[in-house]
Amino acid sequence: MKTELTELPLDQVRTLLAVVDEGTFDAAAAALHVTPSAVSQRVKALEQRTGRVLLVRTKPVRPTESGEVVVRFARQLARLERDARAELGMSGAGEATRVSIAVNADSLATWFLPALTRVPQEPWLSFELRREDESRTASLLREGLVMAAVTSSPDAVAGCSVRALGRMRYLAAASPEFTERHLGGALRDALVQAPVMALDRSDDLQDTFVRRLRRSRTGASAVRHYVPTSEGFLSAVAAGMGWGMIPESQAEPLLRDGRLVQLAPERPVDVPLYWQQWKLHSPALVAVAEAVTAAATEALRR
């Protein structure tokens, strides 16, 4: 049976968002100053109107794929409302506009924070940055958890625009002592035995390098050290814990002073980066996008 959908009642949409953000119906009721029964009724009414199950009733609750669409709409609606209030002079004194962005660790450690300093501070902005691998930042956009993201995906998330930022170049490197101890002989064979660094379990850049070098499906060594920050990762490689793929801008000073040795200089790995954001005419988003794009033009390879 086809559902006739003429509108999404705003009280129901905002209630669904509250349930997702608070994690339970009771917590959402407290946040909205209504009864849990009213929250449940609004969510059920919205599900009946859309003809879709919008929530998985777990603890905490989580949105279904259809629920993510409504949650994203709710967050965009809230963004537009805040912008309208600001333009009408209805914002509270000193109230900052929050901008949530997902960004990968290496961008965060190199060029991204300087980009944010270029954003005009009138009106005041409050940045909420969420660190995630560039291959997974788009999922935060899809779930409506952030307004914009630095991602490796050129495919626009539904309801978002996308633009190319440039390519971040990575160099395979290790300390001189580590190279002498573990990487004697043919590099393509030594790398599958030598300890390797990774940011987290989703970081497959080192495996990509080894596969390209060997022209096979064999990845890097199973002996892995996980260090979840870009700065810590660099320090661990320089200390000789393992070899790793390091952003060019971070690696070059250590290569010059001899603290690092580049492995296979003729085989850098370039990761294309893109900026994706909600398709909203939001002054805050426009200002951030312009600053990020300008900084990326200077910091990344074209």
Protein backbone atom coordinates (compact mmCIF):
# COMPACT_ATOMS: atom_id res chain seq x y z
CA MET A 1 0.00 0.00 0.00
CA LYS A 2 1.46 3.34 -1.07
CA THR A 3 1.67 6.01 1.63
CA GLU A 4 0.43 9.49 0.74
CA LEU A 5 3.04 11.78 2.26
CA THR A 6 2.34 15.49 2.12
CA GLU A 7 4.47 16.66 5.02
CA LEU A 8 6.69 15.58 7.88
CA PRO A 9 5.24 17.08 11.08
CA LEU A 10 8.03 19.04 12.71
CA ASP A 11 7.19 17.99 16.26
CA GLN A 12 7.48 14.35 15.22
CA VAL A 13 10.72 14.93 13.33
CA ARG A 14 12.27 16.76 16.28
CA THR A 15 11.12 14.04 18.63
CA LEU A 16 12.79 11.35 16.52
CA LEU A 17 16.02 13.35 16.59
CA ALA A 18 15.80 13.72 20.36
CA VAL A 19 15.37 9.96 20.78
CA VAL A 20 18.42 9.27 18.61
CA ASP A 21 20.56 11.89 20.37
CA GLU A 22 19.47 10.94 23.89
CA GLY A 23 19.56 7.18 23.27
CA THR A 24 16.27 6.22 24.93
CA PHE A 25 12.61 7.26 24.83
CA ASP A 26 12.69 8.19 28.54
CA ALA A 27 15.75 10.42 28.12
CA ALA A 28 14.20 12.08 25.07
CA ALA A 29 11.02 12.73 27.05
CA ALA A 30 13.03 14.43 29.80
CA ALA A 31 14.88 16.56 27.24
CA LEU A 32 11.64 17.58 25.52
CA HIS A 33 9.70 18.03 28.80
CA VAL A 34 6.96 15.63 27.72
CA THR A 35 5.93 12.16 28.85
CA PRO A 36 7.59 9.00 27.48
CA SER A 37 4.17 8.02 26.16
CA ALA A 38 4.01 11.22 24.08
CA VAL A 39 7.46 10.50 22.65
CA SER A 40 6.46 6.96 21.73
CA GLN A 41 3.23 8.15 20.11
CA ARG A 42 5.03 10.78 18.01
CA VAL A 43 7.62 8.29 16.75
CA LYS A 44 4.94 5.71 15.91
CA ALA A 45 2.89 8.38 14.11
CA LEU A 46 5.94 9.39 12.06
CA GLU A 47 6.63 5.76 11.16
CA GLN A 48 3.01 5.33 10.08
CA ARG A 49 3.17 8.51 8.00
CA THR A 50 6.39 7.48 6.22
CA GLY A 51 5.45 3.82 6.00
CA ARG A 52 8.90 2.91 7.29
CA VAL A 53 10.46 1.62 10.49
CA LEU A 54 12.68 4.50 11.59
CA LEU A 55 14.23 3.19 14.80
CA VAL A 56 15.77 -0.04 16.00
CA ARG A 57 14.51 -0.34 19.57
CA THR A 58 17.81 -1.24 21.21
CA LYS A 59 19.61 0.47 24.09
CA PRO A 60 20.71 2.93 22.95
CA VAL A 61 18.26 3.16 20.06
CA ARG A 62 19.70 3.60 16.59
CA PRO A 63 18.13 4.81 13.37
CA THR A 64 17.41 2.49 10.48
CA GLU A 65 18.53 3.49 6.99
CA SER A 66 15.20 5.30 6.54
CA GLY A 67 15.57 6.79 9.99
CA GLU A 68 18.95 8.24 9.04
CA VAL A 69 17.24 10.18 6.23
CA VAL A 70 14.79 11.75 8.69
CA VAL A 71 17.51 12.43 11.27
CA ARG A 72 19.63 14.16 8.64
CA PHE A 73 16.60 16.26 7.64
CA ALA A 74 16.00 17.15 11.30
CA ARG A 75 19.58 18.34 11.78
CA GLN A 76 19.47 20.35 8.56
CA LEU A 77 16.19 21.90 9.65
CA ALA A 78 17.74 22.87 12.99
CA ARG A 79 20.70 24.40 11.14
CA LEU A 80 18.41 26.50 8.94
CA GLU A 81 16.41 27.62 11.96
CA ARG A 82 19.55 28.77 13.79
CA ASP A 83 20.78 30.66 10.71
CA ALA A 84 17.41 32.36 10.29
CA ARG A 85 17.36 33.37 13.97
CA ALA A 86 20.87 34.79 13.65
CA GLU A 87 19.97 36.83 10.56
CA LEU A 88 16.87 38.15 12.32
CA GLY A 89 18.89 39.13 15.39
CA MET A 90 17.05 36.60 17.54
CA SER A 91 20.10 34.65 18.72
CA GLY A 92 21.10 34.91 22.34
CA ALA A 93 23.95 37.24 23.20
CA GLY A 94 27.26 35.55 22.51
CA GLU A 95 25.57 32.41 21.16
CA ALA A 96 27.91 30.60 18.78
CA THR A 97 26.91 28.70 15.65
CA ARG A 98 28.02 25.06 15.92
CA VAL A 99 29.60 23.45 12.87
CA SER A 100 30.25 19.69 13.10
CA ILE A 101 32.87 18.22 10.75
CA ALA A 102 34.34 14.73 10.28
CA VAL A 103 38.01 14.77 9.31
CA ASN A 104 40.78 12.18 9.05
CA ALA A 105 43.65 12.20 11.54
CA ASP A 106 46.41 13.14 9.09
CA SER A 107 44.52 16.14 7.71
CA LEU A 108 43.74 17.18 11.27
CA ALA A 109 47.44 17.02 12.17
CA THR A 110 48.70 18.87 9.11
CA TRP A 111 46.62 21.34 7.09
CA PHE A 112 43.05 21.30 8.41
CA LEU A 113 43.32 23.29 11.66
CA PRO A 114 45.13 26.20 9.92
CA ALA A 115 42.24 26.18 7.44
CA LEU A 116 39.74 26.82 10.23
CA THR A 117 41.70 29.87 11.41
CA ARG A 118 40.82 31.48 8.06
CA VAL A 119 37.11 31.31 8.75
CA PRO A 120 35.71 34.76 9.68
CA GLN A 121 34.78 34.82 13.35
CA GLU A 122 31.77 37.09 12.92
CA PRO A 123 29.35 35.61 13.72
CA TRP A 124 31.03 33.32 16.23
CA LEU A 125 31.42 29.71 15.21
CA SER A 126 31.89 26.68 17.45
CA PHE A 127 33.63 23.78 15.73
CA GLU A 128 32.95 20.18 16.70
CA LEU A 129 35.50 17.94 14.97
CA ARG A 130 35.13 14.17 14.82
CA ARG A 131 38.22 12.17 13.88
CA GLU A 132 37.56 9.26 11.56
CA ASP A 133 39.39 7.49 8.75
CA GLU A 134 38.85 9.27 5.42
CA SER A 135 37.23 6.14 4.02
CA ARG A 136 34.58 6.27 6.77
CA THR A 137 33.88 9.97 7.31
CA ALA A 138 31.13 9.91 4.66
CA SER A 139 29.16 7.48 6.82
CA LEU A 140 28.92 10.14 9.54
CA LEU A 141 27.42 12.48 6.96
CA ARG A 142 25.00 9.78 5.84
CA GLU A 143 23.86 9.27 9.43
CA GLY A 144 23.36 13.00 9.90
CA LEU A 145 25.95 13.17 12.68
CA VAL A 146 28.04 15.88 10.99
CA MET A 147 27.36 18.71 8.56
CA ALA A 148 30.52 18.30 6.48
CA ALA A 149 33.41 15.89 6.04
CA VAL A 150 36.84 15.46 4.52
CA THR A 151 36.50 12.12 2.75
CA SER A 152 38.18 9.91 0.18
CA SER A 153 34.85 9.26 -1.54
CA PRO A 154 34.03 11.26 -4.70
CA ASP A 155 30.44 9.97 -4.59
CA ALA A 156 28.16 12.52 -2.95
CA VAL A 157 26.13 11.34 0.02
CA ALA A 158 22.41 11.89 -0.56
CA GLY A 159 21.56 15.51 0.17
CA CYS A 160 25.20 16.60 0.02
CA SER A 161 27.46 18.37 -2.45
CA VAL A 162 31.05 17.29 -3.15
CA ARG A 163 34.17 19.04 -4.41
CA ALA A 164 37.74 17.81 -4.91
CA LEU A 165 40.34 19.14 -2.46
CA GLY A 166 43.51 17.54 -3.79
CA ARG A 167 45.76 14.58 -3.09
CA MET A 168 47.56 13.91 0.18
CA ARG A 169 50.89 12.24 -0.55
CA TYR A 170 52.24 9.55 1.77
CA LEU A 171 55.83 8.33 1.95
CA ALA A 172 56.89 4.93 3.27
CA ALA A 173 59.51 5.54 5.95
CA ALA A 174 61.33 4.02 8.91
CA SER A 175 64.12 4.98 11.28
CA PRO A 176 67.70 4.23 10.15
CA GLU A 177 68.12 1.69 12.96
CA PHE A 178 64.86 -0.07 12.08
CA THR A 179 65.82 -0.15 8.40
CA GLU A 180 69.17 -1.74 9.18
CA ARG A 181 67.65 -4.30 11.57
CA HIS A 182 64.55 -5.36 9.64
CA LEU A 183 64.74 -4.26 6.04
CA GLY A 184 67.91 -5.77 4.67
CA GLY A 185 67.67 -7.50 1.30
CA ALA A 186 64.74 -7.11 -1.07
CA LEU A 187 62.30 -4.56 0.35
CA ARG A 188 59.25 -6.24 -1.19
CA ASP A 189 60.00 -9.39 0.83
CA ALA A 190 61.22 -7.72 4.03
CA LEU A 191 58.05 -5.64 4.50
CA VAL A 192 55.83 -8.67 4.94
CA GLN A 193 57.95 -9.71 7.93
CA ALA A 194 58.90 -6.39 9.55
CA PRO A 195 56.75 -4.79 12.28
CA VAL A 196 54.40 -2.16 10.86
CA MET A 197 52.51 0.81 12.29
CA ALA A 198 48.81 1.58 11.82
CA LEU A 199 46.49 4.29 13.14
CA ASP A 200 43.70 1.83 13.86
CA ARG A 201 42.17 -1.35 12.46
CA SER A 202 40.62 0.50 9.52
CA ASP A 203 43.98 1.90 8.41
CA ASP A 204 45.02 -0.15 5.36
CA LEU A 205 47.42 2.34 3.76
CA GLN A 206 50.48 0.27 4.66
CA ASP A 207 48.87 -2.83 3.16
CA THR A 208 48.06 -0.88 0.00
CA PHE A 209 51.71 0.13 -0.33
CA VAL A 210 52.96 -3.45 0.09
CA ARG A 211 50.43 -4.85 -2.39
CA ARG A 212 51.45 -2.30 -5.01
CA LEU A 213 55.13 -2.97 -4.37
CA ARG A 214 54.71 -6.73 -4.61
CA ARG A 215 51.95 -6.63 -7.24
CA SER A 216 50.13 -9.23 -5.23
CA ARG A 217 47.40 -9.54 -2.60
CA THR A 218 49.92 -9.98 0.20
CA GLY A 219 49.69 -7.14 2.71
CA ALA A 220 52.06 -5.89 5.39
CA SER A 221 53.26 -7.88 8.39
CA ALA A 222 50.81 -9.26 10.93
CA VAL A 223 53.06 -7.75 13.62
CA ARG A 224 51.26 -4.39 13.98
CA HIS A 225 51.39 -1.57 16.47
CA TYR A 226 48.27 0.64 16.63
CA VAL A 227 48.76 4.30 17.52
CA PRO A 228 45.53 6.33 17.12
CA THR A 229 46.96 9.82 16.54
CA SER A 230 48.91 11.14 13.59
CA GLU A 231 51.52 12.76 15.85
CA GLY A 232 51.92 9.58 17.91
CA PHE A 233 52.16 7.50 14.74
CA LEU A 234 55.03 9.69 13.46
CA SER A 235 56.84 9.52 16.80
CA ALA A 236 56.50 5.73 16.91
CA VAL A 237 58.00 5.34 13.43
CA ALA A 238 60.86 7.72 14.30
CA ALA A 239 61.46 5.75 17.52
CA GLY A 240 61.90 2.53 15.53
CA MET A 241 58.74 0.67 16.57
CA GLY A 242 57.82 -0.08 12.96
CA TRP A 243 57.66 1.35 9.47
CA GLY A 244 54.69 3.32 8.20
CA MET A 245 53.16 5.61 5.61
CA ILE A 246 53.65 9.22 6.69
CA PRO A 247 52.18 12.39 5.18
CA GLU A 248 54.79 14.12 3.04
CA SER A 249 54.68 17.36 5.03
CA GLN A 250 55.35 15.49 8.28
CA ALA A 251 58.02 13.21 6.84
CA GLU A 252 60.20 15.75 5.02
CA PRO A 253 61.78 17.47 8.09
CA LEU A 254 62.71 14.09 9.59
CA LEU A 255 64.06 12.82 6.29
CA ARG A 256 66.26 15.92 5.96
CA ASP A 257 67.81 15.56 9.41
CA GLY A 258 68.31 11.80 9.06
CA ARG A 259 65.81 10.64 11.68
CA LEU A 260 63.86 8.82 8.96
CA VAL A 261 64.81 6.89 5.84
CA GLN A 262 62.41 6.81 2.90
CA LEU A 263 61.57 3.37 1.57
CA ALA A 264 61.03 3.08 -2.19
CA PRO A 265 61.18 6.85 -2.91
CA GLU A 266 59.84 6.24 -6.40
CA ARG A 267 56.61 4.78 -5.00
CA PRO A 268 54.68 7.36 -2.99
CA VAL A 269 50.99 6.74 -2.35
CA ASP A 270 48.55 9.56 -3.12
CA VAL A 271 45.14 9.62 -1.42
CA PRO A 272 42.55 11.87 -3.07
CA LEU A 273 40.50 13.94 -0.64
CA TYR A 274 37.09 15.53 -1.14
CA TRP A 275 34.94 17.98 0.78
CA GLN A 276 31.33 16.94 1.22
CA GLN A 277 28.69 19.05 2.98
CA TRP A 278 24.97 19.41 3.34
CA LYS A 279 23.22 21.13 0.45
CA LEU A 280 22.14 24.07 2.57
CA HIS A 281 22.58 27.76 1.96
CA SER A 282 24.10 28.22 5.39
CA PRO A 283 26.45 31.21 5.81
CA ALA A 284 28.51 29.24 8.32
CA LEU A 285 28.93 26.26 5.98
CA VAL A 286 29.76 28.51 3.03
CA ALA A 287 32.48 30.29 5.01
CA VAL A 288 34.01 27.03 6.25
CA ALA A 289 33.95 25.46 2.78
CA GLU A 290 35.72 28.45 1.24
CA ALA A 291 38.43 28.42 3.91
CA VAL A 292 38.96 24.66 3.69
CA THR A 293 39.14 24.70 -0.10
CA ALA A 294 41.67 27.55 -0.11
CA ALA A 295 43.90 25.87 2.47
CA ALA A 296 43.73 22.53 0.65
CA THR A 297 44.79 24.20 -2.59
CA GLU A 298 48.00 25.31 -0.88
CA ALA A 299 48.68 22.20 1.20
CA LEU A 300 47.66 19.29 -1.05
CA ARG A 301 48.87 18.14 -4.43
CA ARG A 302 46.59 18.91 -7.35
